[in-house]
Amino acid sequence: MPNTEDSAELLRRVLQQQPTNFRALRQMADLLLVSKQKSEALQLIRIILTQEAYIEQNYGIMKIYINEVLTGATNQQTFREGVKTKLAQLEG
């Protein structure tokens, strides 16, 4: 199992460069919830619900893969539905 602190640091680095990377936001929110940091997790969930996902513009043909798998840009609605469910659980 990955070290939570190491994972959080790597996700912070991603979010510094790509602040609306939906996959990184969701994973960081999950880590924060495990660490009992609910309000911080909720802030990240709200970013997914209110902003557009980061879209990679570079890397030629690879940008399709990056936006599909790594950033969540091509599946924004799916990410939003997932965090809406999580938000309802947290607030309910």
N, C-alpha and C. Protein backbone atom coordinates (compact mmCIF):
# COMPACT_ATOMS: atom_id res chain seq x y z
N MET A 1 0.85 -1.19 0.00
CA MET A 1 0.00 0.00 0.00
C MET A 1 0.89 1.24 0.00
N PRO A 2 0.57 2.22 -0.85
CA PRO A 2 1.40 3.43 -0.92
C PRO A 2 1.35 4.23 0.39
N ASN A 3 2.43 4.90 0.66
CA ASN A 3 2.52 5.77 1.82
C ASN A 3 1.63 6.98 1.59
N THR A 4 0.75 7.26 2.54
CA THR A 4 -0.20 8.37 2.41
C THR A 4 0.50 9.71 2.28
N GLU A 5 1.54 9.93 3.06
CA GLU A 5 2.26 11.21 3.00
C GLU A 5 2.93 11.39 1.65
N ASP A 6 3.55 10.33 1.14
CA ASP A 6 4.19 10.41 -0.18
C ASP A 6 3.14 10.67 -1.26
N SER A 7 2.03 9.97 -1.18
CA SER A 7 0.96 10.17 -2.15
C SER A 7 0.44 11.59 -2.11
N ALA A 8 0.23 12.11 -0.92
CA ALA A 8 -0.27 13.48 -0.78
C ALA A 8 0.71 14.48 -1.36
N GLU A 9 2.00 14.27 -1.15
CA GLU A 9 3.01 15.19 -1.68
C GLU A 9 3.01 15.16 -3.21
N LEU A 10 2.92 13.99 -3.78
CA LEU A 10 2.88 13.89 -5.24
C LEU A 10 1.63 14.55 -5.81
N LEU A 11 0.50 14.35 -5.15
CA LEU A 11 -0.74 14.98 -5.61
C LEU A 11 -0.67 16.50 -5.48
N ARG A 12 -0.04 16.99 -4.42
CA ARG A 12 0.15 18.45 -4.28
C ARG A 12 0.96 19.01 -5.45
N ARG A 13 1.98 18.28 -5.84
CA ARG A 13 2.81 18.73 -6.97
C ARG A 13 1.99 18.78 -8.25
N VAL A 14 1.19 17.76 -8.47
CA VAL A 14 0.32 17.76 -9.66
C VAL A 14 -0.60 18.96 -9.62
N LEU A 15 -1.23 19.20 -8.47
CA LEU A 15 -2.21 20.28 -8.35
C LEU A 15 -1.58 21.66 -8.42
N GLN A 16 -0.29 21.77 -8.11
CA GLN A 16 0.39 23.06 -8.31
C GLN A 16 0.47 23.40 -9.79
N GLN A 17 0.72 22.39 -10.61
CA GLN A 17 0.84 22.59 -12.05
C GLN A 17 -0.52 22.55 -12.77
N GLN A 18 -1.43 21.72 -12.24
CA GLN A 18 -2.73 21.50 -12.88
C GLN A 18 -3.82 21.58 -11.80
N PRO A 19 -4.16 22.78 -11.35
CA PRO A 19 -5.06 22.93 -10.20
C PRO A 19 -6.47 22.39 -10.39
N THR A 20 -6.87 22.11 -11.63
CA THR A 20 -8.19 21.53 -11.84
C THR A 20 -8.09 20.14 -12.48
N ASN A 21 -7.05 19.42 -12.17
CA ASN A 21 -6.91 18.03 -12.60
C ASN A 21 -7.88 17.21 -11.75
N PHE A 22 -8.98 16.80 -12.36
CA PHE A 22 -10.05 16.15 -11.61
C PHE A 22 -9.60 14.86 -10.93
N ARG A 23 -8.78 14.07 -11.59
CA ARG A 23 -8.32 12.83 -10.97
C ARG A 23 -7.48 13.13 -9.73
N ALA A 24 -6.56 14.07 -9.82
CA ALA A 24 -5.72 14.43 -8.68
C ALA A 24 -6.57 15.05 -7.56
N LEU A 25 -7.54 15.88 -7.91
CA LEU A 25 -8.42 16.47 -6.90
C LEU A 25 -9.20 15.40 -6.15
N ARG A 26 -9.73 14.43 -6.89
CA ARG A 26 -10.51 13.36 -6.26
C ARG A 26 -9.63 12.49 -5.37
N GLN A 27 -8.45 12.15 -5.84
CA GLN A 27 -7.56 11.33 -5.04
C GLN A 27 -7.09 12.07 -3.79
N MET A 28 -6.81 13.36 -3.93
CA MET A 28 -6.40 14.15 -2.76
C MET A 28 -7.55 14.27 -1.77
N ALA A 29 -8.76 14.48 -2.27
CA ALA A 29 -9.93 14.55 -1.38
C ALA A 29 -10.09 13.24 -0.61
N ASP A 30 -9.90 12.12 -1.28
CA ASP A 30 -10.00 10.82 -0.61
C ASP A 30 -8.95 10.68 0.48
N LEU A 31 -7.72 11.12 0.18
CA LEU A 31 -6.65 11.07 1.20
C LEU A 31 -6.99 11.96 2.39
N LEU A 32 -7.52 13.14 2.11
CA LEU A 32 -7.88 14.05 3.20
C LEU A 32 -8.99 13.46 4.06
N LEU A 33 -9.94 12.79 3.46
CA LEU A 33 -11.02 12.16 4.22
C LEU A 33 -10.48 11.07 5.13
N VAL A 34 -9.53 10.28 4.63
CA VAL A 34 -8.91 9.24 5.44
C VAL A 34 -8.18 9.88 6.63
N SER A 35 -7.62 11.05 6.40
CA SER A 35 -6.88 11.78 7.46
C SER A 35 -7.79 12.64 8.32
N LYS A 36 -9.11 12.47 8.17
CA LYS A 36 -10.10 13.20 8.97
C LYS A 36 -10.04 14.71 8.73
N GLN A 37 -9.75 15.11 7.50
CA GLN A 37 -9.72 16.53 7.13
C GLN A 37 -10.88 16.81 6.18
N LYS A 38 -12.06 16.68 6.72
CA LYS A 38 -13.29 16.76 5.93
C LYS A 38 -13.46 18.11 5.23
N SER A 39 -13.23 19.21 5.92
CA SER A 39 -13.47 20.52 5.30
C SER A 39 -12.53 20.76 4.13
N GLU A 40 -11.28 20.31 4.25
CA GLU A 40 -10.34 20.46 3.14
C GLU A 40 -10.76 19.59 1.96
N ALA A 41 -11.23 18.38 2.25
CA ALA A 41 -11.70 17.48 1.20
C ALA A 41 -12.91 18.08 0.48
N LEU A 42 -13.81 18.66 1.24
CA LEU A 42 -15.00 19.28 0.65
C LEU A 42 -14.63 20.42 -0.29
N GLN A 43 -13.60 21.18 0.04
CA GLN A 43 -13.15 22.26 -0.84
C GLN A 43 -12.71 21.71 -2.19
N LEU A 44 -12.00 20.60 -2.18
CA LEU A 44 -11.54 20.00 -3.43
C LEU A 44 -12.71 19.43 -4.23
N ILE A 45 -13.65 18.81 -3.54
CA ILE A 45 -14.83 18.28 -4.21
C ILE A 45 -15.61 19.41 -4.89
N ARG A 46 -15.71 20.54 -4.23
CA ARG A 46 -16.44 21.67 -4.81
C ARG A 46 -15.75 22.23 -6.05
N ILE A 47 -14.43 22.13 -6.11
CA ILE A 47 -13.71 22.55 -7.32
C ILE A 47 -14.16 21.70 -8.49
N ILE A 48 -14.26 20.38 -8.28
CA ILE A 48 -14.70 19.48 -9.35
C ILE A 48 -16.12 19.85 -9.80
N LEU A 49 -16.96 20.23 -8.86
CA LEU A 49 -18.35 20.54 -9.18
C LEU A 49 -18.53 21.89 -9.86
N THR A 50 -17.60 22.80 -9.66
CA THR A 50 -17.82 24.18 -10.14
C THR A 50 -16.88 24.64 -11.25
N GLN A 51 -15.81 23.91 -11.49
CA GLN A 51 -14.84 24.37 -12.48
C GLN A 51 -14.67 23.35 -13.60
N GLU A 52 -14.07 23.79 -14.67
CA GLU A 52 -13.76 22.91 -15.79
C GLU A 52 -12.45 22.18 -15.50
N ALA A 53 -12.36 20.95 -15.94
CA ALA A 53 -11.16 20.15 -15.72
C ALA A 53 -9.98 20.70 -16.53
N TYR A 54 -8.79 20.50 -15.97
CA TYR A 54 -7.57 20.83 -16.69
C TYR A 54 -7.51 20.00 -17.96
N ILE A 55 -7.18 20.63 -19.07
CA ILE A 55 -7.05 19.94 -20.34
C ILE A 55 -5.61 20.08 -20.82
N GLU A 56 -4.96 18.95 -21.00
CA GLU A 56 -3.59 18.95 -21.51
C GLU A 56 -3.60 19.34 -22.98
N GLN A 57 -2.76 20.29 -23.36
CA GLN A 57 -2.70 20.78 -24.73
C GLN A 57 -1.47 20.29 -25.49
N ASN A 58 -0.47 19.82 -24.76
CA ASN A 58 0.80 19.42 -25.39
C ASN A 58 0.84 17.90 -25.61
N TYR A 59 1.93 17.41 -26.06
CA TYR A 59 2.22 15.98 -26.19
C TYR A 59 1.53 15.31 -27.37
N GLY A 60 1.11 16.06 -28.35
CA GLY A 60 0.59 15.47 -29.58
C GLY A 60 -0.52 14.46 -29.34
N ILE A 61 -0.39 13.31 -29.95
CA ILE A 61 -1.42 12.28 -29.86
C ILE A 61 -1.61 11.79 -28.43
N MET A 62 -0.57 11.88 -27.62
CA MET A 62 -0.64 11.43 -26.23
C MET A 62 -1.61 12.27 -25.40
N LYS A 63 -1.92 13.48 -25.84
CA LYS A 63 -2.82 14.32 -25.05
C LYS A 63 -4.21 13.69 -24.93
N ILE A 64 -4.60 12.89 -25.92
CA ILE A 64 -5.90 12.20 -25.83
C ILE A 64 -5.89 11.25 -24.64
N TYR A 65 -4.84 10.46 -24.53
CA TYR A 65 -4.69 9.53 -23.41
C TYR A 65 -4.61 10.28 -22.08
N ILE A 66 -3.79 11.32 -22.06
CA ILE A 66 -3.60 12.09 -20.84
C ILE A 66 -4.93 12.67 -20.36
N ASN A 67 -5.70 13.25 -21.27
CA ASN A 67 -6.98 13.85 -20.88
C ASN A 67 -8.03 12.81 -20.52
N GLU A 68 -7.94 11.65 -21.10
CA GLU A 68 -8.88 10.57 -20.81
C GLU A 68 -8.57 9.92 -19.46
N VAL A 69 -7.31 9.57 -19.26
CA VAL A 69 -6.93 8.74 -18.13
C VAL A 69 -6.35 9.54 -16.96
N LEU A 70 -5.50 10.50 -17.24
CA LEU A 70 -4.76 11.16 -16.16
C LEU A 70 -5.41 12.41 -15.60
N THR A 71 -6.11 13.17 -16.40
CA THR A 71 -6.68 14.42 -15.88
C THR A 71 -8.18 14.36 -15.66
N GLY A 72 -8.84 13.43 -16.30
CA GLY A 72 -10.30 13.34 -16.20
C GLY A 72 -11.04 14.34 -17.06
N ALA A 73 -10.33 15.03 -17.94
CA ALA A 73 -10.95 16.11 -18.72
C ALA A 73 -12.04 15.60 -19.66
N THR A 74 -11.86 14.42 -20.23
CA THR A 74 -12.85 13.94 -21.18
C THR A 74 -14.02 13.25 -20.49
N ASN A 75 -13.91 13.05 -19.19
CA ASN A 75 -14.98 12.41 -18.42
C ASN A 75 -15.46 13.29 -17.27
N GLN A 76 -15.55 14.58 -17.52
CA GLN A 76 -15.90 15.51 -16.45
C GLN A 76 -17.22 15.15 -15.78
N GLN A 77 -18.22 14.79 -16.57
CA GLN A 77 -19.53 14.48 -16.00
C GLN A 77 -19.46 13.27 -15.08
N THR A 78 -18.69 12.27 -15.46
CA THR A 78 -18.53 11.08 -14.63
C THR A 78 -17.88 11.44 -13.30
N PHE A 79 -16.83 12.27 -13.35
CA PHE A 79 -16.18 12.70 -12.12
C PHE A 79 -17.15 13.49 -11.25
N ARG A 80 -17.93 14.37 -11.88
CA ARG A 80 -18.88 15.18 -11.11
C ARG A 80 -19.95 14.31 -10.46
N GLU A 81 -20.45 13.33 -11.16
CA GLU A 81 -21.46 12.44 -10.58
C GLU A 81 -20.89 11.68 -9.39
N GLY A 82 -19.64 11.24 -9.52
CA GLY A 82 -18.99 10.53 -8.42
C GLY A 82 -18.81 11.39 -7.18
N VAL A 83 -18.41 12.65 -7.38
CA VAL A 83 -18.21 13.50 -6.20
C VAL A 83 -19.53 14.00 -5.64
N LYS A 84 -20.56 14.10 -6.47
CA LYS A 84 -21.89 14.45 -5.94
C LYS A 84 -22.35 13.37 -4.96
N THR A 85 -22.12 12.12 -5.33
CA THR A 85 -22.48 11.01 -4.44
C THR A 85 -21.69 11.09 -3.15
N LYS A 86 -20.38 11.34 -3.27
CA LYS A 86 -19.51 11.47 -2.09
C LYS A 86 -19.94 12.65 -1.23
N LEU A 87 -20.28 13.76 -1.85
CA LEU A 87 -20.72 14.94 -1.12
C LEU A 87 -22.00 14.66 -0.36
N ALA A 88 -22.94 13.98 -0.98
CA ALA A 88 -24.20 13.64 -0.32
C ALA A 88 -23.94 12.75 0.89
N GLN A 89 -23.00 11.82 0.79
CA GLN A 89 -22.66 10.97 1.92
C GLN A 89 -22.05 11.77 3.06
N LEU A 90 -21.19 12.71 2.72
CA LEU A 90 -20.50 13.50 3.74
C LEU A 90 -21.43 14.49 4.43
N GLU A 91 -22.35 15.04 3.66
CA GLU A 91 -23.24 16.06 4.23
C GLU A 91 -24.51 15.45 4.82
N GLY A 92 -24.77 14.17 4.53
CA GLY A 92 -26.01 13.54 4.97
C GLY A 92 -25.94 12.87 6.30
